[in-house]
C-alpha atoms as a PDB file:
ATOM      1  CA  UNK A   1      53.262  84.539  85.110  1.00  0.00           C
ATOM      2  CA  UNK A   2      50.899  82.265  86.970  1.00  0.00           C
ATOM      3  CA  UNK A   3      52.347  79.091  88.403  1.00  0.00           C
ATOM      4  CA  UNK A   4      48.942  77.384  88.605  1.00  0.00           C
ATOM      5  CA  UNK A   5      47.588  78.027  85.132  1.00  0.00           C
ATOM      6  CA  UNK A   6      44.060  77.400  83.843  1.00  0.00           C
ATOM      7  CA  UNK A   7      43.510  76.262  80.263  1.00  0.00           C
ATOM      8  CA  UNK A   8      46.725  76.273  78.254  1.00  0.00           C
ATOM      9  CA  UNK A   9      46.995  77.462  74.662  1.00  0.00           C
ATOM     10  CA  UNK A  10      49.820  76.121  72.538  1.00  0.00           C
ATOM     11  CA  UNK A  11      50.648  78.809  69.998  1.00  0.00           C
ATOM     12  CA  UNK A  12      52.877  79.002  66.977  1.00  0.00           C
ATOM     13  CA  UNK A  13      54.155  82.402  65.879  1.00  0.00           C
ATOM     14  CA  UNK A  14      56.092  83.318  62.771  1.00  0.00           C
ATOM     15  CA  UNK A  15      57.237  86.447  60.985  1.00  0.00           C
ATOM     16  CA  UNK A  16      55.191  87.161  57.869  1.00  0.00           C
ATOM     17  CA  UNK A  17      57.169  87.909  54.708  1.00  0.00           C
ATOM     18  CA  UNK A  18      60.431  86.407  56.007  1.00  0.00           C
ATOM     19  CA  UNK A  19      61.892  83.319  54.334  1.00  0.00           C
ATOM     20  CA  UNK A  20      63.174  80.980  55.523  1.00  0.00           C
ATOM     21  CA  UNK A  21      60.612  81.195  58.283  1.00  0.00           C
ATOM     22  CA  UNK A  22      61.521  82.569  61.717  1.00  0.00           C
ATOM     23  CA  UNK A  23      59.129  80.832  64.126  1.00  0.00           C
ATOM     24  CA  UNK A  24      58.484  79.726  67.701  1.00  0.00           C
ATOM     25  CA  UNK A  25      56.076  77.336  69.395  1.00  0.00           C
ATOM     26  CA  UNK A  26      55.130  78.155  72.986  1.00  0.00           C
ATOM     27  CA  UNK A  27      52.468  77.608  75.623  1.00  0.00           C
ATOM     28  CA  UNK A  28      50.693  80.181  77.767  1.00  0.00           C
ATOM     29  CA  UNK A  29      47.595  80.435  79.917  1.00  0.00           C
ATOM     30  CA  UNK A  30      44.577  81.174  77.697  1.00  0.00           C
ATOM     31  CA  UNK A  31      43.524  83.910  80.130  1.00  0.00           C
ATOM     32  CA  UNK A  32      46.805  85.857  79.894  1.00  0.00           C
ATOM     33  CA  UNK A  33      46.233  89.601  79.463  1.00  0.00           C
ATOM     34  CA  UNK A  34      47.387  90.931  76.111  1.00  0.00           C
ATOM     35  CA  UNK A  35      49.909  93.328  77.635  1.00  0.00           C
ATOM     36  CA  UNK A  36      51.517  90.300  79.317  1.00  0.00           C
ATOM     37  CA  UNK A  37      51.289  88.277  76.085  1.00  0.00           C
ATOM     38  CA  UNK A  38      53.203  91.109  74.412  1.00  0.00           C
ATOM     39  CA  UNK A  39      56.007  90.582  76.954  1.00  0.00           C
ATOM     40  CA  UNK A  40      55.991  86.833  76.258  1.00  0.00           C
ATOM     41  CA  UNK A  41      56.169  87.388  72.494  1.00  0.00           C
ATOM     42  CA  UNK A  42      59.072  89.794  72.959  1.00  0.00           C
ATOM     43  CA  UNK A  43      60.938  87.093  74.909  1.00  0.00           C
ATOM     44  CA  UNK A  44      60.164  84.152  72.618  1.00  0.00           C
ATOM     45  CA  UNK A  45      60.986  86.063  69.445  1.00  0.00           C
ATOM     46  CA  UNK A  46      64.033  87.842  70.841  1.00  0.00           C
ATOM     47  CA  UNK A  47      62.903  91.441  70.352  1.00  0.00           C
ATOM     48  CA  UNK A  48      64.048  94.202  72.716  1.00  0.00           C
ATOM     49  CA  UNK A  49      60.660  95.795  73.503  1.00  0.00           C
ATOM     50  CA  UNK A  50      61.677  99.221  72.216  1.00  0.00           C
ATOM     51  CA  UNK A  51      58.795  99.879  69.802  1.00  0.00           C
ATOM     52  CA  UNK A  52      55.007 100.105  69.744  1.00  0.00           C
ATOM     53  CA  UNK A  53      52.874  97.068  68.959  1.00  0.00           C
ATOM     54  CA  UNK A  54      49.298  95.894  68.418  1.00  0.00           C
ATOM     55  CA  UNK A  55      47.155  92.767  68.286  1.00  0.00           C
ATOM     56  CA  UNK A  56      44.560  92.426  65.507  1.00  0.00           C
ATOM     57  CA  UNK A  57      41.899  89.730  65.361  1.00  0.00           C
ATOM     58  CA  UNK A  58      39.154  90.287  62.830  1.00  0.00           C
ATOM     59  CA  UNK A  59      37.908  93.863  63.287  1.00  0.00           C
ATOM     60  CA  UNK A  60      39.305  94.155  66.815  1.00  0.00           C
ATOM     61  CA  UNK A  61      42.586  95.902  67.545  1.00  0.00           C
ATOM     62  CA  UNK A  62      44.241  96.026  70.963  1.00  0.00           C
ATOM     63  CA  UNK A  63      47.255  98.089  71.944  1.00  0.00           C
ATOM     64  CA  UNK A  64      48.614 100.594  74.427  1.00  0.00           C
ATOM     65  CA  UNK A  65      46.098 103.418  74.293  1.00  0.00           C
ATOM     66  CA  UNK A  66      47.097 106.954  73.383  1.00  0.00           C
ATOM     67  CA  UNK A  67      45.403 109.213  75.972  1.00  0.00           C
ATOM     68  CA  UNK A  68      45.454 112.104  73.472  1.00  0.00           C
ATOM     69  CA  UNK A  69      43.568 110.207  70.746  1.00  0.00           C
ATOM     70  CA  UNK A  70      39.887 109.910  71.642  1.00  0.00           C
ATOM     71  CA  UNK A  71      38.938 109.037  68.029  1.00  0.00           C
ATOM     72  CA  UNK A  72      40.928 105.809  68.054  1.00  0.00           C
ATOM     73  CA  UNK A  73      38.871 102.589  68.034  1.00  0.00           C
ATOM     74  CA  UNK A  74      41.768 100.623  69.475  1.00  0.00           C
ATOM     75  CA  UNK A  75      40.962  98.729  72.674  1.00  0.00           C
ATOM     76  CA  UNK A  76      43.130  98.716  75.784  1.00  0.00           C
ATOM     77  CA  UNK A  77      45.351  95.628  75.679  1.00  0.00           C
ATOM     78  CA  UNK A  78      45.336  95.551  79.502  1.00  0.00           C
ATOM     79  CA  UNK A  79      41.630  94.693  79.310  1.00  0.00           C
ATOM     80  CA  UNK A  80      41.910  92.068  76.587  1.00  0.00           C
ATOM     81  CA  UNK A  81      42.885  88.421  76.983  1.00  0.00           C
ATOM     82  CA  UNK A  82      44.380  85.875  74.618  1.00  0.00           C
ATOM     83  CA  UNK A  83      41.114  83.922  74.724  1.00  0.00           C
ATOM     84  CA  UNK A  84      39.382  87.036  73.303  1.00  0.00           C
ATOM     85  CA  UNK A  85      41.466  86.685  70.127  1.00  0.00           C
ATOM     86  CA  UNK A  86      41.339  82.936  69.455  1.00  0.00           C
ATOM     87  CA  UNK A  87      39.202  80.118  70.842  1.00  0.00           C
ATOM     88  CA  UNK A  88      39.675  77.157  68.492  1.00  0.00           C
ATOM     89  CA  UNK A  89      42.701  75.425  66.957  1.00  0.00           C
ATOM     90  CA  UNK A  90      43.842  76.912  63.630  1.00  0.00           C
ATOM     91  CA  UNK A  91      42.398  80.347  64.460  1.00  0.00           C
ATOM     92  CA  UNK A  92      44.912  83.139  63.938  1.00  0.00           C
ATOM     93  CA  UNK A  93      45.564  86.752  64.833  1.00  0.00           C
ATOM     94  CA  UNK A  94      48.229  89.300  63.893  1.00  0.00           C
ATOM     95  CA  UNK A  95      50.767  90.802  66.263  1.00  0.00           C
ATOM     96  CA  UNK A  96      52.546  93.806  64.773  1.00  0.00           C
ATOM     97  CA  UNK A  97      55.740  95.119  66.331  1.00  0.00           C
ATOM     98  CA  UNK A  98      57.580  98.323  65.403  1.00  0.00           C
ATOM     99  CA  UNK A  99      55.307 100.345  63.133  1.00  0.00           C
ATOM    100  CA  UNK A 100      58.347 101.715  61.282  1.00  0.00           C
ATOM    101  CA  UNK A 101      59.733  98.299  60.311  1.00  0.00           C
ATOM    102  CA  UNK A 102      56.229  96.785  60.494  1.00  0.00           C
ATOM    103  CA  UNK A 103      57.139  93.312  61.722  1.00  0.00           C
ATOM    104  CA  UNK A 104      53.911  91.366  61.233  1.00  0.00           C
ATOM    105  CA  UNK A 105      53.704  88.121  63.160  1.00  0.00           C
ATOM    106  CA  UNK A 106      51.061  85.507  62.451  1.00  0.00           C
ATOM    107  CA  UNK A 107      49.982  83.775  65.665  1.00  0.00           C
ATOM    108  CA  UNK A 108      48.037  80.520  65.396  1.00  0.00           C
ATOM    109  CA  UNK A 109      46.332  78.533  68.124  1.00  0.00           C
ATOM    110  CA  UNK A 110      47.706  75.013  67.647  1.00  0.00           C
ATOM    111  CA  UNK A 111      46.215  73.147  70.577  1.00  0.00           C
ATOM    112  CA  UNK A 112      44.147  73.656  73.731  1.00  0.00           C
ATOM    113  CA  UNK A 113      45.482  71.697  76.692  1.00  0.00           C
ATOM    114  CA  UNK A 114      45.204  71.191  80.405  1.00  0.00           C
ATOM    115  CA  UNK A 115      48.187  72.468  82.378  1.00  0.00           C
ATOM    116  CA  UNK A 116      50.899  69.917  83.058  1.00  0.00           C
ATOM    117  CA  UNK A 117      51.965  69.360  86.623  1.00  0.00           C
ATOM    118  CA  UNK A 118      55.355  70.890  87.358  1.00  0.00           C
ATOM    119  CA  UNK A 119      55.404  73.128  84.252  1.00  0.00           C
ATOM    120  CA  UNK A 120      55.679  76.851  84.830  1.00  0.00           C
ATOM    121  CA  UNK A 121      53.979  78.793  82.039  1.00  0.00           C
ATOM    122  CA  UNK A 122      54.774  80.423  79.699  1.00  0.00           C
ATOM    123  CA  UNK A 123      57.228  77.972  78.162  1.00  0.00           C
ATOM    124  CA  UNK A 124      58.864  77.847  74.732  1.00  0.00           C
ATOM    125  CA  UNK A 125      58.756  74.399  73.110  1.00  0.00           C
ATOM    126  CA  UNK A 126      60.579  74.889  69.818  1.00  0.00           C
ATOM    127  CA  UNK A 127      61.634  77.368  67.192  1.00  0.00           C
ATOM    128  CA  UNK A 128      63.939  78.062  64.291  1.00  0.00           C
ATOM    129  CA  UNK A 129      66.196  80.889  63.187  1.00  0.00           C
ATOM    130  CA  UNK A 130      67.283  84.061  64.911  1.00  0.00           C
ATOM    131  CA  UNK A 131      65.065  87.063  65.336  1.00  0.00           C
ATOM    132  CA  UNK A 132      66.101  89.820  62.920  1.00  0.00           C
ATOM    133  CA  UNK A 133      68.066  92.700  64.426  1.00  0.00           C
ATOM    134  CA  UNK A 134      65.978  95.648  65.633  1.00  0.00           C
ATOM    135  CA  UNK A 135      65.691  98.586  63.228  1.00  0.00           C
ATOM    136  CA  UNK A 136      67.043  96.736  60.194  1.00  0.00           C
ATOM    137  CA  UNK A 137      64.220  97.933  57.937  1.00  0.00           C
ATOM    138  CA  UNK A 138      61.557  95.251  58.183  1.00  0.00           C
ATOM    139  CA  UNK A 139      61.370  92.148  56.020  1.00  0.00           C
ATOM    140  CA  UNK A 140      62.931  93.801  52.940  1.00  0.00           C
ATOM    141  CA  UNK A 141      65.684  95.457  54.968  1.00  0.00           C
ATOM    142  CA  UNK A 142      66.408  92.155  56.702  1.00  0.00           C
ATOM    143  CA  UNK A 143      66.680  90.371  53.348  1.00  0.00           C
ATOM    144  CA  UNK A 144      69.111  93.034  52.150  1.00  0.00           C
ATOM    145  CA  UNK A 145      71.099  92.792  55.406  1.00  0.00           C
ATOM    146  CA  UNK A 146      71.486  89.021  54.994  1.00  0.00           C
ATOM    147  CA  UNK A 147      72.672  89.457  51.396  1.00  0.00           C
ATOM    148  CA  UNK A 148      75.270  92.004  52.513  1.00  0.00           C
ATOM    149  CA  UNK A 149      76.462  89.849  55.424  1.00  0.00           C
ATOM    150  CA  UNK A 150      76.716  86.836  53.122  1.00  0.00           C
ATOM    151  CA  UNK A 151      79.104  88.715  50.798  1.00  0.00           C
ATOM    152  CA  UNK A 152      82.377  89.692  52.551  1.00  0.00           C
ATOM    153  CA  UNK A 153      83.325  91.685  49.434  1.00  0.00           C
ATOM    154  CA  UNK A 154      80.171  93.833  49.547  1.00  0.00           C
ATOM    155  CA  UNK A 155      81.039  97.515  50.055  1.00  0.00           C
ATOM    156  CA  UNK A 156      78.700  97.733  53.090  1.00  0.00           C
ATOM    157  CA  UNK A 157      79.753  94.432  54.697  1.00  0.00           C
ATOM    158  CA  UNK A 158      82.082  95.902  57.333  1.00  0.00           C
ATOM    159  CA  UNK A 159      79.729  98.805  58.122  1.00  0.00           C
ATOM    160  CA  UNK A 160      76.829  96.414  58.731  1.00  0.00           C
ATOM    161  CA  UNK A 161      78.962  94.180  60.961  1.00  0.00           C
ATOM    162  CA  UNK A 162      79.973  97.235  62.967  1.00  0.00           C
ATOM    163  CA  UNK A 163      76.323  98.357  63.207  1.00  0.00           C
ATOM    164  CA  UNK A 164      75.412  94.884  64.491  1.00  0.00           C
ATOM    165  CA  UNK A 165      78.243  94.962  67.018  1.00  0.00           C
ATOM    166  CA  UNK A 166      79.835  91.859  65.492  1.00  0.00           C
ATOM    167  CA  UNK A 167      78.691  88.687  63.820  1.00  0.00           C
ATOM    168  CA  UNK A 168      75.044  87.767  63.294  1.00  0.00           C
ATOM    169  CA  UNK A 169      73.993  84.162  62.722  1.00  0.00           C
ATOM    170  CA  UNK A 170      70.510  84.067  61.136  1.00  0.00           C
ATOM    171  CA  UNK A 171      70.299  80.311  61.853  1.00  0.00           C
ATOM    172  CA  UNK A 172      70.861  80.667  65.611  1.00  0.00           C
ATOM    173  CA  UNK A 173      68.110  79.730  68.048  1.00  0.00           C
ATOM    174  CA  UNK A 174      68.712  78.901  71.710  1.00  0.00           C
ATOM    175  CA  UNK A 175      65.626  77.482  73.423  1.00  0.00           C
ATOM    176  CA  UNK A 176      67.314  77.560  76.841  1.00  0.00           C
ATOM    177  CA  UNK A 177      68.031  81.273  76.426  1.00  0.00           C
ATOM    178  CA  UNK A 178      64.392  81.912  75.489  1.00  0.00           C
ATOM    179  CA  UNK A 179      63.057  79.939  78.458  1.00  0.00           C
ATOM    180  CA  UNK A 180      65.484  81.718  80.793  1.00  0.00           C
ATOM    181  CA  UNK A 181      64.112  85.038  79.515  1.00  0.00           C
ATOM    182  CA  UNK A 182      60.551  83.835  80.123  1.00  0.00           C
ATOM    183  CA  UNK A 183      61.428  82.940  83.729  1.00  0.00           C
ATOM    184  CA  UNK A 184      63.019  86.350  84.322  1.00  0.00           C
END
């Protein structure tokens, strides 16, 4: 990402339909292309970038275009910018990841700022709770997974732990890990 950024947007993102809330607060250049913003969101949330996604603001939808679908009204995310989606604090848009699990993220513009000297953007400022595991079945599947993991006597407990590759701490959030990913 750009070392000498223009206007900076401070954003807050959270998973819709997941309680307690899984959220992050981060800053990016307002002029970031949406395909690059997708990469940032993947890093700040902790996803693995293995599924399709889209950005929706009002009637506008941006995504990776399907060259075989000329009837699609979706716009090319490589031609859209964050500042096309939101321009004023408290404005929001939706970022959807993995159409099977349908992880809807609400993204809100918190503050518009000037870049700070010595800060390399994007940067994660705060957050809470671990990103759900990929392919766990969306918000309802994640809720069920947490119930199973919370009950060592549940008949599926061991199978789910094996599927996860070991323990999963839904409360875990490591800001240094997120910022390291953003630098990489």
